[in-house]
Amino acid sequence: MENEKTRYSDAELKEFKELLLDKLRSSKEELNSLASSLSSPNANGTDDTAGTYKTLEDGSATLEKEQINQLAARQKKFIEQLEAALVRIENKTYGICRETGKLIPKERLRAVPHTTLTMEAKMKQ
């Protein structure tokens, strides 16, 4: 029986850690940008527009705020998943499928670095 790898080497984990840290950095920047767009007042400069458009504008602004809130919530969840992946790197359990116990292929981890499932396990969901 051939000796199948059960975990990634420290060098491989280091490579994935760099990838995760890079994604984490850009994700946090994006979250900050979403947060600042929520806190800044409407910068369209339409304060002097007639009152009839005001109601439409308020509705539109509310919808936009809701969409930004949803994006921010999704971004926060993604950041949590990336941080959890970094913990798995420290524990040396990164890249091991939580369903099958097999090693998740590098190609999949490069595409979805926070994944905890092989494609095989993902398809069964």
Protein backbone atom coordinates (compact mmCIF):
# COMPACT_ATOMS: atom_id res chain seq x y z
CA MET A 1 0.00 0.00 0.00
CA GLU A 2 1.45 3.36 -1.02
CA ASN A 3 2.11 6.00 1.61
CA GLU A 4 -0.69 8.50 0.99
CA LYS A 5 -0.26 11.98 2.45
CA THR A 6 -2.56 12.69 5.36
CA ARG A 7 -1.68 16.38 5.72
CA TYR A 8 0.12 19.19 3.92
CA SER A 9 3.76 19.90 4.75
CA ASP A 10 4.75 23.00 6.71
CA ALA A 11 6.08 24.57 3.50
CA GLU A 12 2.75 23.93 1.74
CA LEU A 13 0.84 25.29 4.74
CA LYS A 14 3.00 28.41 4.63
CA GLU A 15 2.05 28.94 0.97
CA PHE A 16 -1.66 28.63 1.83
CA LYS A 17 -1.22 30.93 4.83
CA GLU A 18 0.17 33.65 2.52
CA LEU A 19 -2.81 33.17 0.18
CA LEU A 20 -5.27 33.37 3.10
CA LEU A 21 -3.60 36.45 4.61
CA ASP A 22 -3.71 38.17 1.23
CA LYS A 23 -7.44 37.38 0.82
CA LEU A 24 -8.07 38.46 4.42
CA ARG A 25 -6.34 41.80 3.83
CA SER A 26 -8.35 42.57 0.69
CA SER A 27 -11.60 41.35 2.31
CA LYS A 28 -11.10 43.65 5.30
CA GLU A 29 -10.38 46.58 2.95
CA GLU A 30 -13.59 45.83 1.06
CA LEU A 31 -15.54 45.63 4.33
CA ASN A 32 -14.10 48.98 5.46
CA SER A 33 -15.09 50.51 2.15
CA LEU A 34 -18.64 49.16 2.51
CA ALA A 35 -18.83 50.47 6.08
CA SER A 36 -17.64 53.92 5.05
CA SER A 37 -20.15 54.09 2.19
CA LEU A 38 -22.88 53.32 4.74
CA SER A 39 -21.76 56.02 7.15
CA SER A 40 -21.28 58.77 4.56
CA PRO A 41 -24.37 60.82 3.67
CA ASN A 42 -25.74 60.78 0.14
CA ALA A 43 -23.03 62.46 -1.91
CA ASN A 44 -25.14 62.96 -5.03
CA GLY A 45 -25.74 66.61 -4.17
CA THR A 46 -29.48 66.49 -4.94
CA ASP A 47 -30.56 68.47 -1.86
CA ASP A 48 -32.09 71.20 -4.01
CA THR A 49 -34.24 68.82 -6.12
CA ALA A 50 -38.01 69.25 -5.99
CA GLY A 51 -39.84 67.51 -3.12
CA THR A 52 -41.62 65.01 -5.36
CA TYR A 53 -38.35 63.25 -6.09
CA LYS A 54 -37.41 63.20 -2.40
CA THR A 55 -39.65 60.21 -1.58
CA LEU A 56 -38.33 58.17 -4.51
CA GLU A 57 -34.80 59.06 -3.54
CA ASP A 58 -35.33 58.05 0.08
CA GLY A 59 -36.69 54.68 -1.04
CA SER A 60 -33.78 54.18 -3.37
CA ALA A 61 -31.29 55.16 -0.67
CA THR A 62 -32.91 52.70 1.76
CA LEU A 63 -32.72 49.89 -0.77
CA GLU A 64 -29.09 50.69 -1.50
CA LYS A 65 -28.29 50.71 2.24
CA GLU A 66 -29.95 47.29 2.62
CA GLN A 67 -27.91 45.91 -0.27
CA ILE A 68 -24.70 47.33 1.21
CA ASN A 69 -25.62 45.83 4.59
CA GLN A 70 -26.12 42.42 2.95
CA LEU A 71 -22.76 42.70 1.18
CA ALA A 72 -21.10 43.72 4.45
CA ALA A 73 -22.68 40.77 6.30
CA ARG A 74 -21.49 38.39 3.57
CA GLN A 75 -18.03 39.94 3.72
CA LYS A 76 -17.91 39.52 7.53
CA LYS A 77 -18.86 35.85 7.18
CA PHE A 78 -16.13 35.37 4.54
CA ILE A 79 -13.57 37.01 6.85
CA GLU A 80 -14.62 34.65 9.68
CA GLN A 81 -14.16 31.66 7.34
CA LEU A 82 -10.70 32.89 6.31
CA GLU A 83 -9.72 33.39 9.96
CA ALA A 84 -10.97 29.88 10.81
CA ALA A 85 -8.82 28.53 7.95
CA LEU A 86 -5.78 30.29 9.46
CA VAL A 87 -6.51 28.54 12.78
CA ARG A 88 -6.60 25.20 10.92
CA ILE A 89 -3.19 26.04 9.44
CA GLU A 90 -1.82 26.64 12.95
CA ASN A 91 -3.36 23.30 14.08
CA LYS A 92 -1.94 21.62 10.94
CA THR A 93 -5.44 20.36 10.07
CA TYR A 94 -5.80 22.71 7.09
CA GLY A 95 -6.73 21.06 3.81
CA ILE A 96 -8.24 17.94 5.38
CA CYS A 97 -11.87 17.31 4.40
CA ARG A 98 -14.13 17.35 7.46
CA GLU A 99 -16.40 14.73 5.85
CA THR A 100 -14.05 12.24 4.21
CA GLY A 101 -10.81 12.89 6.12
CA LYS A 102 -9.02 12.99 2.76
CA LEU A 103 -6.65 15.71 1.65
CA ILE A 104 -8.42 18.44 -0.34
CA PRO A 105 -6.59 18.91 -3.69
CA LYS A 106 -4.34 21.99 -3.90
CA GLU A 107 -6.22 23.28 -6.97
CA ARG A 108 -9.46 23.42 -4.96
CA LEU A 109 -7.75 25.10 -2.01
CA ARG A 110 -6.19 27.72 -4.29
CA ALA A 111 -9.63 28.49 -5.75
CA VAL A 112 -11.53 28.31 -2.43
CA PRO A 113 -8.89 28.62 0.31
CA HIS A 114 -11.39 28.57 3.18
CA THR A 115 -13.10 25.31 2.12
CA THR A 116 -13.37 22.39 4.53
CA LEU A 117 -14.73 19.89 1.99
CA THR A 118 -13.41 17.98 -1.00
CA MET A 119 -15.56 18.30 -4.15
CA GLU A 120 -16.68 14.71 -3.55
CA ALA A 121 -18.10 15.63 -0.12
CA LYS A 122 -19.51 18.94 -1.41
CA MET A 123 -21.46 17.13 -4.16
CA LYS A 124 -23.13 14.90 -1.56
CA GLN A 125 -24.56 17.91 0.30
